[in-house]
Amino acid sequence: MTKGEYTAHQQKIISNYYDHLDTILLTRLQELVTDLYLADTSAKQDRLWERVHKAMHKLKIPPRIIEHIIDRRDIVVLARNVEDWLSASRKKR
């Protein structure tokens, strides 16, 4: 479907999604922090850390910060950063 094939309602939904993508991704990161705390196997943790990496990349977090968090694989460091990013996001609005 091209843009012209969407109804006005669908176009508004799509537009709202992209307008709030940073909030959606930050919420996803919060959920991943919880999932990492609860992960019971290293394989599950590996998959979750991959998802964390992708979400941070989509949020356009500076590569050195992503690298630091992924290299340390410390849930507390990730949680503190997500908290900071959320507060910064709220200040923008």
Protein backbone atom coordinates (compact mmCIF):
# COMPACT_ATOMS: atom_id res chain seq x y z
CA MET A 1 0.00 0.00 0.00
CA THR A 2 1.22 3.45 -0.79
CA LYS A 3 0.52 6.46 1.38
CA GLY A 4 -2.44 7.46 -0.76
CA GLU A 5 -4.10 4.10 -0.20
CA TYR A 6 -4.47 4.61 3.56
CA THR A 7 -7.57 6.23 4.96
CA ALA A 8 -7.20 9.51 6.84
CA HIS A 9 -7.75 7.62 10.09
CA GLN A 10 -4.99 5.10 9.26
CA GLN A 11 -2.63 7.90 8.26
CA LYS A 12 -3.21 9.61 11.60
CA ILE A 13 -2.50 6.37 13.49
CA ILE A 14 0.74 5.88 11.54
CA SER A 15 1.75 9.49 12.12
CA ASN A 16 1.05 9.23 15.86
CA TYR A 17 3.12 6.05 16.04
CA TYR A 18 6.17 7.77 14.59
CA ASP A 19 5.58 10.91 16.67
CA HIS A 20 5.72 8.79 19.84
CA LEU A 21 8.30 6.24 18.75
CA ASP A 22 10.85 7.40 21.34
CA THR A 23 8.34 6.91 24.15
CA ILE A 24 7.39 3.50 22.77
CA LEU A 25 11.04 2.42 22.62
CA LEU A 26 11.78 3.72 26.12
CA THR A 27 8.81 1.79 27.44
CA ARG A 28 10.11 -1.29 25.64
CA LEU A 29 13.50 -0.78 27.31
CA GLN A 30 11.81 -0.56 30.72
CA GLU A 31 10.08 -3.86 30.03
CA LEU A 32 13.38 -5.40 28.92
CA VAL A 33 15.02 -4.33 32.19
CA THR A 34 12.30 -6.21 34.06
CA ASP A 35 12.65 -9.22 31.79
CA LEU A 36 16.42 -9.25 32.33
CA TYR A 37 15.94 -9.26 36.10
CA LEU A 38 13.61 -12.24 35.76
CA ALA A 39 15.57 -14.16 33.10
CA ASP A 40 16.59 -17.53 34.45
CA THR A 41 18.98 -18.75 31.75
CA SER A 42 21.98 -17.18 30.10
CA ALA A 43 20.48 -17.92 26.66
CA LYS A 44 17.39 -15.92 27.55
CA GLN A 45 19.57 -13.08 28.86
CA ASP A 46 21.59 -13.10 25.63
CA ARG A 47 18.42 -12.71 23.54
CA LEU A 48 17.17 -9.92 25.79
CA TRP A 49 20.48 -8.05 25.61
CA GLU A 50 20.27 -8.25 21.80
CA ARG A 51 16.82 -6.65 21.97
CA VAL A 52 18.18 -3.97 24.33
CA HIS A 53 20.96 -3.24 21.85
CA LYS A 54 18.49 -2.88 18.94
CA ALA A 55 16.16 -0.63 20.94
CA MET A 56 19.01 1.67 22.00
CA HIS A 57 20.22 1.84 18.42
CA LYS A 58 16.72 2.80 17.22
CA LEU A 59 16.63 5.50 19.90
CA LYS A 60 19.87 6.87 18.45
CA ILE A 61 21.73 6.55 21.74
CA PRO A 62 25.41 7.49 21.19
CA PRO A 63 27.37 4.38 20.15
CA ARG A 64 29.88 4.68 22.98
CA ILE A 65 27.08 4.58 25.55
CA ILE A 66 25.50 1.58 23.84
CA GLU A 67 28.87 -0.13 23.75
CA HIS A 68 29.48 0.60 27.44
CA ILE A 69 26.11 -0.77 28.52
CA ILE A 70 26.30 -3.86 26.31
CA ASP A 71 29.91 -4.61 27.31
CA ARG A 72 29.13 -4.37 31.03
CA ARG A 73 25.79 -6.21 30.76
CA ASP A 74 24.86 -4.65 34.07
CA ILE A 75 21.11 -4.38 34.53
CA VAL A 76 21.50 -1.61 37.12
CA VAL A 77 23.50 0.53 34.69
CA LEU A 78 20.87 -0.06 31.99
CA ALA A 79 18.02 0.77 34.38
CA ARG A 80 19.66 4.02 35.50
CA ASN A 81 20.24 5.09 31.92
CA VAL A 82 16.67 4.29 30.92
CA GLU A 83 15.46 6.34 33.88
CA ASP A 84 17.62 9.27 32.76
CA TRP A 85 16.42 8.99 29.17
CA LEU A 86 12.80 8.90 30.33
CA SER A 87 13.20 12.02 32.44
CA ALA A 88 14.94 13.79 29.52
CA SER A 89 12.12 12.72 27.21
CA ARG A 90 9.50 14.08 29.59
CA LYS A 91 11.30 17.43 29.81
CA LYS A 92 11.14 17.80 26.01
CA ARG A 93 7.36 17.70 26.05
